Protein backbone atom coordinates (compact mmCIF):
# COMPACT_ATOMS: atom_id res chain seq x y z
CA UNK A 1 -15.15 76.70 26.48
CA UNK A 2 -16.90 74.22 28.71
CA UNK A 3 -15.78 70.57 28.68
CA UNK A 4 -13.94 71.30 25.39
CA UNK A 5 -17.18 72.54 23.79
CA UNK A 6 -17.05 75.96 22.14
CA UNK A 7 -20.13 77.56 23.66
CA UNK A 8 -19.82 80.72 21.53
CA UNK A 9 -19.88 78.63 18.34
CA UNK A 10 -22.82 76.61 19.67
CA UNK A 11 -24.72 79.84 20.38
CA UNK A 12 -24.00 81.08 16.85
CA UNK A 13 -25.29 77.82 15.39
CA UNK A 14 -28.45 78.02 17.50
CA UNK A 15 -29.05 81.57 16.24
CA UNK A 16 -28.44 80.46 12.64
CA UNK A 17 -31.02 77.65 12.91
CA UNK A 18 -33.54 79.96 14.61
CA UNK A 19 -33.25 82.40 11.69
CA UNK A 20 -32.93 79.79 8.93
CA UNK A 21 -34.53 76.49 10.06
CA UNK A 22 -33.36 74.71 6.89
CA UNK A 23 -29.79 75.03 8.21
CA UNK A 24 -30.73 72.59 10.99
CA UNK A 25 -31.71 69.79 8.62
CA UNK A 26 -29.31 66.89 8.16
CA UNK A 27 -29.18 64.28 5.40
CA UNK A 28 -27.02 61.17 5.60
CA UNK A 29 -26.94 57.57 4.52
CA UNK A 30 -25.03 54.30 4.44
CA UNK A 31 -24.47 51.32 2.18
CA UNK A 32 -24.43 47.84 3.71
CA UNK A 33 -22.79 44.94 1.88
CA UNK A 34 -23.48 41.45 3.10
CA UNK A 35 -20.24 39.56 3.78
CA UNK A 36 -21.74 36.17 4.59
CA UNK A 37 -23.47 34.82 7.65
CA UNK A 38 -24.46 37.72 9.88
CA UNK A 39 -21.55 39.97 8.86
CA UNK A 40 -21.90 43.19 6.89
CA UNK A 41 -19.51 45.91 5.72
CA UNK A 42 -20.99 49.36 6.31
CA UNK A 43 -19.87 52.44 4.35
CA UNK A 44 -21.07 55.86 5.43
CA UNK A 45 -21.94 58.39 2.73
CA UNK A 46 -21.20 62.08 2.65
CA UNK A 47 -23.59 63.98 4.86
CA UNK A 48 -25.19 67.34 4.40
CA UNK A 49 -25.98 69.56 7.37
CA UNK A 50 -27.88 72.63 6.31
CA UNK A 51 -26.05 74.07 3.31
CA UNK A 52 -22.72 72.45 4.27
CA UNK A 53 -21.55 69.10 2.92
CA UNK A 54 -19.09 66.87 4.74
CA UNK A 55 -17.58 64.38 2.33
CA UNK A 56 -15.75 62.10 4.74
CA UNK A 57 -16.58 58.40 4.59
CA UNK A 58 -15.95 55.56 6.99
CA UNK A 59 -16.07 51.78 6.62
CA UNK A 60 -16.65 49.35 9.43
CA UNK A 61 -17.81 45.79 9.93
CA UNK A 62 -20.86 44.63 11.81
CA UNK A 63 -21.46 41.12 13.08
CA UNK A 64 -22.96 39.18 15.94
CA UNK A 65 -21.76 37.04 18.85
CA UNK A 66 -21.74 33.24 18.63
CA UNK A 67 -25.06 33.10 20.49
CA UNK A 68 -26.66 34.84 17.47
CA UNK A 69 -24.87 32.62 14.92
CA UNK A 70 -21.96 35.05 14.43
CA UNK A 71 -18.22 34.62 14.86
CA UNK A 72 -17.87 37.34 17.53
CA UNK A 73 -15.32 39.25 15.38
CA UNK A 74 -17.24 42.54 15.11
CA UNK A 75 -19.63 44.60 17.23
CA UNK A 76 -23.29 44.03 16.52
CA UNK A 77 -25.65 46.67 15.13
CA UNK A 78 -27.10 47.14 18.61
CA UNK A 79 -23.68 48.05 20.02
CA UNK A 80 -23.06 50.59 17.26
CA UNK A 81 -26.48 52.12 17.79
CA UNK A 82 -26.06 52.40 21.57
CA UNK A 83 -22.55 53.80 21.12
CA UNK A 84 -23.85 56.37 18.64
CA UNK A 85 -26.56 57.46 21.04
CA UNK A 86 -23.99 57.77 23.84
CA UNK A 87 -21.72 59.85 21.60
């Protein structure tokens, strides 16, 4: 383990993808429902990574600050995207 990352499992996954490149492909999607103004409710869909499917779903709201005609109640799409890239 290094920084709570299982390096042995990571090495096994790397070997799997080297031998079967299709196992490295990921498919995912979302549904966005407009909630008025600049607010939207986002629902994530099940994702497939290689031959494995992960069926968990999440819902969250997206909005904008007052300067962009929002009510400042929810993070904006830019914040979610930057947070996702940092994660």
